Structure formats: structure tokens, C-alpha cells
PDB file of N, CA and C in Angstrom:
ATOM      1  N   MET A   1      -4.972 -13.350  26.687  1.00  0.00           N
ATOM      2  CA  MET A   1      -6.326 -13.725  26.211  1.00  0.00           C
ATOM      3  C   MET A   1      -6.276 -15.308  26.350  1.00  0.00           C
ATOM      4  N   ARG A   2      -7.581 -15.745  26.846  1.00  0.00           N
ATOM      5  CA  ARG A   2      -7.519 -17.147  27.065  1.00  0.00           C
ATOM      6  C   ARG A   2      -8.106 -17.795  25.703  1.00  0.00           C
ATOM      7  N   PRO A   3      -7.806 -19.176  25.321  1.00  0.00           N
ATOM      8  CA  PRO A   3      -7.963 -19.699  24.235  1.00  0.00           C
ATOM      9  C   PRO A   3      -9.625 -19.847  23.831  1.00  0.00           C
ATOM     10  N   TYR A   4      -9.815 -19.903  22.506  1.00  0.00           N
ATOM     11  CA  TYR A   4     -11.118 -19.887  22.134  1.00  0.00           C
ATOM     12  C   TYR A   4     -11.670 -21.219  22.186  1.00  0.00           C
ATOM     13  N   GLN A   5     -12.864 -21.596  22.901  1.00  0.00           N
ATOM     14  CA  GLN A   5     -13.403 -23.270  22.758  1.00  0.00           C
ATOM     15  C   GLN A   5     -14.663 -23.329  21.811  1.00  0.00           C
ATOM     16  N   ASP A   6     -15.016 -24.474  21.572  1.00  0.00           N
ATOM     17  CA  ASP A   6     -15.990 -24.582  20.517  1.00  0.00           C
ATOM     18  C   ASP A   6     -17.592 -24.399  21.119  1.00  0.00           C
ATOM     19  N   ALA A   7     -17.464 -24.546  22.284  1.00  0.00           N
ATOM     20  CA  ALA A   7     -18.838 -24.294  23.075  1.00  0.00           C
ATOM     21  C   ALA A   7     -19.239 -22.904  23.112  1.00  0.00           C
ATOM     22  N   GLU A   8     -18.288 -22.134  23.247  1.00  0.00           N
ATOM     23  CA  GLU A   8     -18.452 -20.536  23.344  1.00  0.00           C
ATOM     24  C   GLU A   8     -18.654 -19.982  22.017  1.00  0.00           C
ATOM     25  N   PRO A   9     -19.538 -18.910  21.884  1.00  0.00           N
ATOM     26  CA  PRO A   9     -19.385 -18.264  20.706  1.00  0.00           C
ATOM     27  C   PRO A   9     -18.161 -17.475  20.199  1.00  0.00           C
ATOM     28  N   HIS A  10     -17.989 -17.447  19.092  1.00  0.00           N
ATOM     29  CA  HIS A  10     -16.898 -17.042  18.436  1.00  0.00           C
ATOM     30  C   HIS A  10     -16.707 -15.349  18.821  1.00  0.00           C
ATOM     31  N   PRO A  11     -15.597 -15.043  19.394  1.00  0.00           N
ATOM     32  CA  PRO A  11     -15.820 -13.332  19.636  1.00  0.00           C
ATOM     33  C   PRO A  11     -16.022 -12.686  18.473  1.00  0.00           C
ATOM     34  N   ASP A  12     -15.731 -13.125  17.206  1.00  0.00           N
ATOM     35  CA  ASP A  12     -15.710 -12.352  15.969  1.00  0.00           C
ATOM     36  C   ASP A  12     -17.164 -12.293  15.737  1.00  0.00           C
ATOM     37  N   ALA A  13     -17.952 -13.495  16.075  1.00  0.00           N
ATOM     38  CA  ALA A  13     -19.474 -13.480  16.013  1.00  0.00           C
ATOM     39  C   ALA A  13     -20.079 -12.561  16.693  1.00  0.00           C
ATOM     40  N   VAL A  14     -19.729 -12.640  18.180  1.00  0.00           N
ATOM     41  CA  VAL A  14     -20.073 -11.790  18.887  1.00  0.00           C
ATOM     42  C   VAL A  14     -20.365 -10.441  18.632  1.00  0.00           C
ATOM     43  N   ALA A  15     -18.817  -9.878  18.036  1.00  0.00           N
ATOM     44  CA  ALA A  15     -18.983  -8.389  17.568  1.00  0.00           C
ATOM     45  C   ALA A  15     -19.917  -8.035  16.447  1.00  0.00           C
ATOM     46  N   ALA A  16     -19.890  -9.129  15.616  1.00  0.00           N
ATOM     47  CA  ALA A  16     -20.651  -9.025  14.337  1.00  0.00           C
ATOM     48  C   ALA A  16     -22.104  -8.745  14.739  1.00  0.00           C
ATOM     49  N   ALA A  17     -22.530  -9.650  15.677  1.00  0.00           N
ATOM     50  CA  ALA A  17     -23.881  -9.648  16.084  1.00  0.00           C
ATOM     51  C   ALA A  17     -24.268  -8.235  16.719  1.00  0.00           C
ATOM     52  N   ALA A  18     -23.256  -7.831  17.806  1.00  0.00           N
ATOM     53  CA  ALA A  18     -23.342  -6.653  18.345  1.00  0.00           C
ATOM     54  C   ALA A  18     -23.507  -5.457  17.237  1.00  0.00           C
ATOM     55  N   ALA A  19     -22.643  -5.274  16.171  1.00  0.00           N
ATOM     56  CA  ALA A  19     -22.589  -4.430  15.158  1.00  0.00           C
ATOM     57  C   ALA A  19     -23.998  -4.494  14.506  1.00  0.00           C
ATOM     58  N   ALA A  20     -24.464  -5.787  14.098  1.00  0.00           N
ATOM     59  CA  ALA A  20     -25.693  -5.587  13.519  1.00  0.00           C
ATOM     60  C   ALA A  20     -26.991  -5.477  13.935  1.00  0.00           C
ATOM     61  N   ALA A  21     -26.709  -5.264  15.314  1.00  0.00           N
ATOM     62  CA  ALA A  21     -27.825  -5.339  16.209  1.00  0.00           C
ATOM     63  C   ALA A  21     -28.507  -3.745  15.929  1.00  0.00           C
ATOM     64  N   PRO A  22     -27.790  -2.817  15.881  1.00  0.00           N
ATOM     65  CA  PRO A  22     -28.452  -1.433  15.728  1.00  0.00           C
ATOM     66  C   PRO A  22     -29.012  -1.410  14.410  1.00  0.00           C
ATOM     67  N   ALA A  23     -28.444  -1.960  13.273  1.00  0.00           N
ATOM     68  CA  ALA A  23     -28.903  -1.851  11.963  1.00  0.00           C
ATOM     69  C   ALA A  23     -30.056  -2.736  11.919  1.00  0.00           C
ATOM     70  N   ALA A  24     -30.343  -3.864  12.475  1.00  0.00           N
ATOM     71  CA  ALA A  24     -31.464  -4.832  12.649  1.00  0.00           C
ATOM     72  C   ALA A  24     -32.578  -3.747  13.377  1.00  0.00           C
ATOM     73  N   ALA A  25     -32.323  -3.161  14.279  1.00  0.00           N
ATOM     74  CA  ALA A  25     -33.342  -2.337  14.950  1.00  0.00           C
ATOM     75  C   ALA A  25     -33.779  -1.094  14.194  1.00  0.00           C
ATOM     76  N   ALA A  26     -32.995  -0.633  13.427  1.00  0.00           N
ATOM     77  CA  ALA A  26     -33.344   0.452  12.378  1.00  0.00           C
ATOM     78  C   ALA A  26     -34.133  -0.093  11.304  1.00  0.00           C
ATOM     79  N   VAL A  27     -33.872  -1.232  10.882  1.00  0.00           N
ATOM     80  CA  VAL A  27     -34.719  -1.905   9.747  1.00  0.00           C
ATOM     81  C   VAL A  27     -35.891  -2.264  10.413  1.00  0.00           C
ATOM     82  N   ALA A  28     -36.040  -2.774  11.774  1.00  0.00           N
ATOM     83  CA  ALA A  28     -37.360  -2.916  12.282  1.00  0.00           C
ATOM     84  C   ALA A  28     -38.213  -1.706  12.546  1.00  0.00           C
ATOM     85  N   VAL A  29     -37.495  -0.519  12.942  1.00  0.00           N
ATOM     86  CA  VAL A  29     -38.163   0.519  13.033  1.00  0.00           C
ATOM     87  C   VAL A  29     -38.608   1.132  11.576  1.00  0.00           C
ATOM     88  N   ALA A  30     -37.838   1.192  10.642  1.00  0.00           N
ATOM     89  CA  ALA A  30     -38.088   1.454   9.198  1.00  0.00           C
ATOM     90  C   ALA A  30     -39.570   0.761   8.498  1.00  0.00           C
ATOM     91  N   VAL A  31     -39.368  -0.628   8.943  1.00  0.00           N
ATOM     92  CA  VAL A  31     -40.624  -1.304   8.679  1.00  0.00           C
ATOM     93  C   VAL A  31     -41.988  -1.082   9.391  1.00  0.00           C
ATOM     94  N   ALA A  32     -41.686  -0.821  10.679  1.00  0.00           N
ATOM     95  CA  ALA A  32     -43.098  -0.436  11.274  1.00  0.00           C
ATOM     96  C   ALA A  32     -43.468   1.101  10.812  1.00  0.00           C
ATOM     97  N   ALA A  33     -42.410   1.858  10.532  1.00  0.00           N
ATOM     98  CA  ALA A  33     -42.822   3.172  10.090  1.00  0.00           C
ATOM     99  C   ALA A  33     -43.536   3.190   8.803  1.00  0.00           C
ATOM    100  N   ALA A  34     -43.207   2.164   7.865  1.00  0.00           N
ATOM    101  CA  ALA A  34     -43.883   1.982   6.639  1.00  0.00           C
ATOM    102  C   ALA A  34     -45.163   1.389   6.629  1.00  0.00           C
ATOM    103  N   VAL A  35     -45.210   0.431   7.710  1.00  0.00           N
ATOM    104  CA  VAL A  35     -46.260  -0.298   7.829  1.00  0.00           C
ATOM    105  C   VAL A  35     -47.482   0.919   8.405  1.00  0.00           C
ATOM    106  N   THR A  36     -47.180   1.686   9.220  1.00  0.00           N
ATOM    107  CA  THR A  36     -48.042   2.648   9.871  1.00  0.00           C
ATOM    108  C   THR A  36     -48.219   3.624   8.618  1.00  0.00           C
ATOM    109  N   ALA A  37     -47.236   4.137   7.844  1.00  0.00           N
ATOM    110  CA  ALA A  37     -47.485   4.931   6.808  1.00  0.00           C
ATOM    111  C   ALA A  37     -48.201   4.469   5.795  1.00  0.00           C
ATOM    112  N   SER A  38     -48.279   3.035   5.571  1.00  0.00           N
ATOM    113  CA  SER A  38     -49.220   2.314   4.669  1.00  0.00           C
ATOM    114  C   SER A  38     -50.465   2.544   5.027  1.00  0.00           C
ATOM    115  N   GLY A  39     -50.674   2.366   6.472  1.00  0.00           N
ATOM    116  CA  GLY A  39     -52.052   2.248   6.918  1.00  0.00           C
ATOM    117  C   GLY A  39     -52.582   3.789   6.955  1.00  0.00           C
ATOM    118  N   GLY A  40     -51.905   4.769   6.948  1.00  0.00           N
ATOM    119  CA  GLY A  40     -52.100   6.068   6.867  1.00  0.00           C
ATOM    120  C   GLY A  40     -52.767   6.491   5.349  1.00  0.00           C
ATOM    121  N   VAL A  41     -51.970   5.934   4.381  1.00  0.00           N
ATOM    122  CA  VAL A  41     -52.256   6.046   2.785  1.00  0.00           C
ATOM    123  C   VAL A  41     -53.410   5.592   2.774  1.00  0.00           C
ATOM    124  N   GLU A  42     -53.535   4.299   3.232  1.00  0.00           N
ATOM    125  CA  GLU A  42     -54.891   3.643   3.057  1.00  0.00           C
ATOM    126  C   GLU A  42     -55.985   4.233   3.338  1.00  0.00           C
ATOM    127  N   ARG A  43     -56.011   4.640   4.501  1.00  0.00           N
ATOM    128  CA  ARG A  43     -56.901   5.753   5.492  1.00  0.00           C
ATOM    129  C   ARG A  43     -57.180   6.994   4.627  1.00  0.00           C
ATOM    130  N   ARG A  44     -55.982   7.378   4.086  1.00  0.00           N
ATOM    131  CA  ARG A  44     -56.246   8.631   3.199  1.00  0.00           C
ATOM    132  C   ARG A  44     -56.923   8.296   1.800  1.00  0.00           C
ATOM    133  N   ASN A  45     -56.395   7.168   1.337  1.00  0.00           N
ATOM    134  CA  ASN A  45     -57.122   6.746  -0.001  1.00  0.00           C
ATOM    135  C   ASN A  45     -58.803   6.604   0.137  1.00  0.00           C
ATOM    136  N   LYS A  46     -59.003   6.029   1.377  1.00  0.00           N
ATOM    137  CA  LYS A  46     -60.602   5.640   1.731  1.00  0.00           C
ATOM    138  C   LYS A  46     -61.247   6.824   1.883  1.00  0.00           C
ATOM    139  N   GLN A  47     -60.624   7.892   2.617  1.00  0.00           N
ATOM    140  CA  GLN A  47     -61.366   9.068   2.944  1.00  0.00           C
ATOM    141  C   GLN A  47     -61.540   9.937   1.300  1.00  0.00           C
ATOM    142  N   GLN A  48     -60.639   9.842   0.639  1.00  0.00           N
ATOM    143  CA  GLN A  48     -60.447  10.485  -0.627  1.00  0.00           C
ATOM    144  C   GLN A  48     -61.900   9.862  -1.435  1.00  0.00           C
ATOM    145  N   GLN A  49     -61.721   8.731  -1.570  1.00  0.00           N
ATOM    146  CA  GLN A  49     -62.941   7.800  -2.333  1.00  0.00           C
ATOM    147  C   GLN A  49     -64.130   8.195  -1.514  1.00  0.00           C
ATOM    148  N   GLN A  50     -64.350   8.260  -0.520  1.00  0.00           N
ATOM    149  CA  GLN A  50     -65.514   8.719   0.380  1.00  0.00           C
ATOM    150  C   GLN A  50     -66.027  10.169  -0.262  1.00  0.00           C
ATOM    151  N   GLN A  51     -64.914  11.011  -0.049  1.00  0.00           N
ATOM    152  CA  GLN A  51     -65.215  12.146  -0.535  1.00  0.00           C
ATOM    153  C   GLN A  51     -65.688  12.419  -1.980  1.00  0.00           C
ATOM    154  N   GLN A  52     -65.091  11.588  -2.615  1.00  0.00           N
ATOM    155  CA  GLN A  52     -65.394  11.555  -4.251  1.00  0.00           C
ATOM    156  C   GLN A  52     -66.792  11.239  -4.551  1.00  0.00           C
ATOM    157  N   GLN A  53     -67.210  10.097  -3.659  1.00  0.00           N
ATOM    158  CA  GLN A  53     -68.336   9.579  -3.818  1.00  0.00           C
ATOM    159  C   GLN A  53     -69.492  10.610  -3.342  1.00  0.00           C
ATOM    160  N   ARG A  54     -69.288  11.350  -2.357  1.00  0.00           N
ATOM    161  CA  ARG A  54     -70.199  12.121  -1.645  1.00  0.00           C
ATOM    162  C   ARG A  54     -70.386  13.301  -2.849  1.00  0.00           C
ATOM    163  N   GLN A  55     -69.249  13.679  -3.342  1.00  0.00           N
ATOM    164  CA  GLN A  55     -69.428  14.986  -4.433  1.00  0.00           C
ATOM    165  C   GLN A  55     -70.250  14.392  -5.366  1.00  0.00           C
ATOM    166  N   GLN A  56     -69.930  13.130  -6.001  1.00  0.00           N
ATOM    167  CA  GLN A  56     -70.844  12.597  -7.178  1.00  0.00           C
ATOM    168  C   GLN A  56     -72.124  12.472  -6.663  1.00  0.00           C
ATOM    169  N   GLN A  57     -72.635  12.130  -5.507  1.00  0.00           N
ATOM    170  CA  GLN A  57     -74.005  12.028  -5.027  1.00  0.00           C
ATOM    171  C   GLN A  57     -74.496  13.390  -4.856  1.00  0.00           C
ATOM    172  N   GLN A  58     -73.764  14.463  -4.481  1.00  0.00           N
ATOM    173  CA  GLN A  58     -74.318  15.833  -4.648  1.00  0.00           C
ATOM    174  C   GLN A  58     -74.514  16.359  -5.757  1.00  0.00           C
ATOM    175  N   GLN A  59     -73.623  16.040  -7.050  1.00  0.00           N
ATOM    176  CA  GLN A  59     -73.693  16.292  -8.205  1.00  0.00           C
ATOM    177  C   GLN A  59     -75.026  15.808  -8.852  1.00  0.00           C
ATOM    178  N   GLN A  60     -75.299  14.530  -8.496  1.00  0.00           N
ATOM    179  CA  GLN A  60     -76.284  13.780  -9.097  1.00  0.00           C
ATOM    180  C   GLN A  60     -77.672  14.335  -8.667  1.00  0.00           C
ATOM    181  N   GLN A  61     -77.696  14.741  -7.398  1.00  0.00           N
ATOM    182  CA  GLN A  61     -78.745  15.664  -6.550  1.00  0.00           C
ATOM    183  C   GLN A  61     -79.073  16.684  -7.376  1.00  0.00           C
ATOM    184  N   GLN A  62     -77.815  17.411  -7.401  1.00  0.00           N
ATOM    185  CA  GLN A  62     -78.219  18.872  -8.085  1.00  0.00           C
ATOM    186  C   GLN A  62     -78.532  18.598  -9.710  1.00  0.00           C
ATOM    187  N   GLN A  63     -78.118  17.803 -10.279  1.00  0.00           N
ATOM    188  CA  GLN A  63     -78.781  17.416 -11.940  1.00  0.00           C
ATOM    189  C   GLN A  63     -80.450  17.202 -11.718  1.00  0.00           C
ATOM    190  N   GLN A  64     -80.716  16.319 -10.632  1.00  0.00           N
ATOM    191  CA  GLN A  64     -82.083  15.748 -10.612  1.00  0.00           C
ATOM    192  C   GLN A  64     -82.967  17.347 -10.204  1.00  0.00           C
ATOM    193  N   GLN A  65     -82.322  17.984  -9.111  1.00  0.00           N
ATOM    194  CA  GLN A  65     -82.832  19.117  -9.102  1.00  0.00           C
ATOM    195  C   GLN A  65     -83.391  20.180 -10.147  1.00  0.00           C
ATOM    196  N   GLN A  66     -82.149  20.520 -10.858  1.00  0.00           N
ATOM    197  CA  GLN A  66     -82.154  21.036 -12.159  1.00  0.00           C
ATOM    198  C   GLN A  66     -83.279  20.397 -13.263  1.00  0.00           C
ATOM    199  N   GLN A  67     -83.261  19.192 -13.285  1.00  0.00           N
ATOM    200  CA  GLN A  67     -84.366  18.590 -14.093  1.00  0.00           C
ATOM    201  C   GLN A  67     -85.652  18.899 -13.926  1.00  0.00           C
ATOM    202  N   GLN A  68     -85.828  18.892 -12.492  1.00  0.00           N
ATOM    203  CA  GLN A  68     -87.064  18.965 -11.881  1.00  0.00           C
ATOM    204  C   GLN A  68     -87.492  20.348 -12.059  1.00  0.00           C
ATOM    205  N   GLN A  69     -86.646  21.319 -12.079  1.00  0.00           N
ATOM    206  CA  GLN A  69     -86.822  22.855 -12.386  1.00  0.00           C
ATOM    207  C   GLN A  69     -87.356  23.154 -13.727  1.00  0.00           C
ATOM    208  N   GLN A  70     -86.450  22.507 -14.690  1.00  0.00           N
ATOM    209  CA  GLN A  70     -86.801  22.366 -16.212  1.00  0.00           C
ATOM    210  C   GLN A  70     -88.242  21.974 -16.014  1.00  0.00           C
ATOM    211  N   GLN A  71     -88.518  20.834 -15.725  1.00  0.00           N
ATOM    212  CA  GLN A  71     -89.862  20.356 -15.909  1.00  0.00           C
ATOM    213  C   GLN A  71     -90.900  21.241 -15.394  1.00  0.00           C
ATOM    214  N   GLN A  72     -90.648  21.833 -14.402  1.00  0.00           N
ATOM    215  CA  GLN A  72     -91.674  22.656 -13.684  1.00  0.00           C
ATOM    216  C   GLN A  72     -91.649  23.917 -14.573  1.00  0.00           C
ATOM    217  N   GLN A  73     -90.718  24.452 -15.161  1.00  0.00           N
ATOM    218  CA  GLN A  73     -90.742  25.562 -16.124  1.00  0.00           C
ATOM    219  C   GLN A  73     -91.644  25.290 -17.529  1.00  0.00           C
ATOM    220  N   GLN A  74     -91.151  24.083 -17.836  1.00  0.00           N
ATOM    221  CA  GLN A  74     -91.917  23.579 -19.018  1.00  0.00           C
ATOM    222  C   GLN A  74     -93.344  23.576 -18.916  1.00  0.00           C
ATOM    223  N   GLN A  75     -93.828  23.014 -17.675  1.00  0.00           N
ATOM    224  CA  GLN A  75     -95.361  22.974 -17.157  1.00  0.00           C
ATOM    225  C   GLN A  75     -95.782  24.509 -17.307  1.00  0.00           C
ATOM    226  N   GLN A  76     -95.053  25.194 -16.749  1.00  0.00           N
ATOM    227  CA  GLN A  76     -95.599  26.652 -16.590  1.00  0.00           C
ATOM    228  C   GLN A  76     -95.752  27.235 -18.070  1.00  0.00           C
ATOM    229  N   GLN A  77     -94.786  26.905 -18.823  1.00  0.00           N
ATOM    230  CA  GLN A  77     -94.876  27.520 -20.247  1.00  0.00           C
ATOM    231  C   GLN A  77     -96.219  27.037 -20.834  1.00  0.00           C
ATOM    232  N   GLN A  78     -96.345  25.702 -20.701  1.00  0.00           N
ATOM    233  CA  GLN A  78     -97.554  25.109 -21.372  1.00  0.00           C
ATOM    234  C   GLN A  78     -98.852  25.746 -20.604  1.00  0.00           C
ATOM    235  N   GLN A  79     -98.808  25.913 -19.363  1.00  0.00           N
ATOM    236  CA  GLN A  79    -100.125  26.633 -18.908  1.00  0.00           C
ATOM    237  C   GLN A  79    -100.115  27.933 -19.532  1.00  0.00           C
ATOM    238  N   GLN A  80     -99.118  28.652 -19.512  1.00  0.00           N
ATOM    239  CA  GLN A  80     -99.199  30.076 -20.015  1.00  0.00           C
ATOM    240  C   GLN A  80     -99.859  29.974 -21.479  1.00  0.00           C
ATOM    241  N   GLN A  81     -99.302  28.801 -22.191  1.00  0.00           N
ATOM    242  CA  GLN A  81     -99.717  28.806 -23.736  1.00  0.00           C
ATOM    243  C   GLN A  81    -101.257  28.505 -23.785  1.00  0.00           C
ATOM    244  N   GLN A  82    -101.641  27.721 -22.763  1.00  0.00           N
ATOM    245  CA  GLN A  82    -102.864  27.463 -22.859  1.00  0.00           C
ATOM    246  C   GLN A  82    -103.982  28.390 -22.550  1.00  0.00           C
ATOM    247  N   GLN A  83    -103.533  29.299 -21.421  1.00  0.00           N
ATOM    248  CA  GLN A  83    -103.891  30.634 -21.158  1.00  0.00           C
ATOM    249  C   GLN A  83    -104.201  31.478 -22.303  1.00  0.00           C
ATOM    250  N   GLN A  84    -103.119  31.587 -23.166  1.00  0.00           N
ATOM    251  CA  GLN A  84    -103.064  32.527 -23.999  1.00  0.00           C
ATOM    252  C   GLN A  84    -104.068  32.126 -25.066  1.00  0.00           C
ATOM    253  N   GLN A  85    -104.370  30.681 -25.307  1.00  0.00           N
ATOM    254  CA  GLN A  85    -105.296  30.231 -26.250  1.00  0.00           C
ATOM    255  C   GLN A  85    -106.554  30.250 -25.778  1.00  0.00           C
ATOM    256  N   GLN A  86    -106.934  30.275 -24.593  1.00  0.00           N
ATOM    257  CA  GLN A  86    -108.295  30.619 -24.392  1.00  0.00           C
ATOM    258  C   GLN A  86    -108.487  32.251 -24.204  1.00  0.00           C
ATOM    259  N   GLN A  87    -107.476  32.884 -24.092  1.00  0.00           N
ATOM    260  CA  GLN A  87    -107.875  34.061 -24.161  1.00  0.00           C
ATOM    261  C   GLN A  87    -108.252  34.610 -25.653  1.00  0.00           C
ATOM    262  N   GLN A  88    -107.453  34.041 -26.526  1.00  0.00           N
ATOM    263  CA  GLN A  88    -107.733  34.290 -27.865  1.00  0.00           C
ATOM    264  C   GLN A  88    -109.034  33.684 -28.162  1.00  0.00           C
ATOM    265  N   GLN A  89    -109.330  32.554 -27.898  1.00  0.00           N
ATOM    266  CA  GLN A  89    -110.666  31.908 -28.100  1.00  0.00           C
ATOM    267  C   GLN A  89    -111.846  32.812 -27.591  1.00  0.00           C
ATOM    268  N   GLN A  90    -111.651  33.367 -26.455  1.00  0.00           N
ATOM    269  CA  GLN A  90    -112.474  34.340 -25.960  1.00  0.00           C
ATOM    270  C   GLN A  90    -112.684  35.747 -26.611  1.00  0.00           C
ATOM    271  N   GLN A  91    -111.412  36.137 -27.210  1.00  0.00           N
ATOM    272  CA  GLN A  91    -111.822  37.285 -27.894  1.00  0.00           C
ATOM    273  C   GLN A  91    -112.298  37.012 -29.366  1.00  0.00           C
ATOM    274  N   GLN A  92    -112.275  35.786 -29.810  1.00  0.00           N
ATOM    275  CA  GLN A  92    -112.750  35.461 -31.147  1.00  0.00           C
ATOM    276  C   GLN A  92    -114.272  35.436 -31.006  1.00  0.00           C
ATOM    277  N   GLN A  93    -114.637  34.757 -29.672  1.00  0.00           N
ATOM    278  CA  GLN A  93    -116.095  34.861 -29.501  1.00  0.00           C
ATOM    279  C   GLN A  93    -116.636  36.021 -29.207  1.00  0.00           C
ATOM    280  N   GLN A  94    -115.968  36.850 -28.564  1.00  0.00           N
ATOM    281  CA  GLN A  94    -116.544  38.228 -28.375  1.00  0.00           C
ATOM    282  C   GLN A  94    -116.678  38.930 -29.699  1.00  0.00           C
ATOM    283  N   GLN A  95    -115.569  38.850 -30.658  1.00  0.00           N
ATOM    284  CA  GLN A  95    -115.686  39.485 -31.883  1.00  0.00           C
ATOM    285  C   GLN A  95    -116.850  39.005 -32.667  1.00  0.00           C
ATOM    286  N   GLN A  96    -117.070  37.617 -32.562  1.00  0.00           N
ATOM    287  CA  GLN A  96    -118.349  36.885 -33.380  1.00  0.00           C
ATOM    288  C   GLN A  96    -119.714  37.357 -32.761  1.00  0.00           C
ATOM    289  N   GLN A  97    -119.645  37.659 -31.439  1.00  0.00           N
ATOM    290  CA  GLN A  97    -120.870  38.101 -30.822  1.00  0.00           C
ATOM    291  C   GLN A  97    -121.045  39.409 -31.447  1.00  0.00           C
ATOM    292  N   GLN A  98    -120.050  40.459 -31.314  1.00  0.00           N
ATOM    293  CA  GLN A  98    -120.176  41.675 -31.907  1.00  0.00           C
ATOM    294  C   GLN A  98    -120.657  41.673 -33.325  1.00  0.00           C
ATOM    295  N   GLN A  99    -120.100  41.062 -34.181  1.00  0.00           N
ATOM    296  CA  GLN A  99    -120.409  41.116 -35.679  1.00  0.00           C
ATOM    297  C   GLN A  99    -121.952  40.529 -35.626  1.00  0.00           C
ATOM    298  N   GLN A 100    -122.430  39.657 -35.062  1.00  0.00           N
ATOM    299  CA  GLN A 100    -123.804  39.163 -34.976  1.00  0.00           C
ATOM    300  C   GLN A 100    -124.707  40.372 -34.475  1.00  0.00           C
ATOM    301  N   GLN A 101    -124.351  41.070 -33.742  1.00  0.00           N
ATOM    302  CA  GLN A 101    -125.274  42.223 -33.240  1.00  0.00           C
ATOM    303  C   GLN A 101    -125.302  43.096 -34.337  1.00  0.00           C
TER     304      GLN A 101
END
């Protein structure tokens, strides 16, 4: 074995670096995977938020439609009541006319 000189890297350091290289590469891959996964999670979260917003909008629209239908039903009921009142008035008028004859 030739003697170690200061200008050269120490053989133990070279061995340690070589041993650490796969671990560093594994860490880099893990970090990249985590970043990609977090991007996927963010994307998924955004999609879920958008879906929730769409569902809320649909629910609001359905509620508005229900309110409109209720209003229409109320109007129809009022019209029916008015018609009944008119019929009653007509009947009363007819009765009065018959009594007068």
C-alpha cells in the first residue's frame, strides 16, 4: 500500500462518501416523491373543494326552485280562494234576486 498524502482524499473519506451516496440518492428520491405526492394532495384538495362548491351551488339552486314552487302554490291557492269568494258572491246575488221575485 502506498503512503497517504495530504493532497489526496483520505481513503476512509472516499469509502464513506461512496457508502453515503446511495443513501443520499434514496433521500433525494424520497424528497422528490414527497413533493410530487404533496402536489397530488394539493390537487386532490382543490378538486374536493371545487366539488363541494358545486354541490353547494346546486343545493342553493334547488332551494331557490323549491321556494319558487312554494310561491307559485301560494299564488294558486290565493287565486282559488278568490274564485270561491266570487262564486259565493254570485250565489248570494242569485239568492237575493230569487227572493226579490
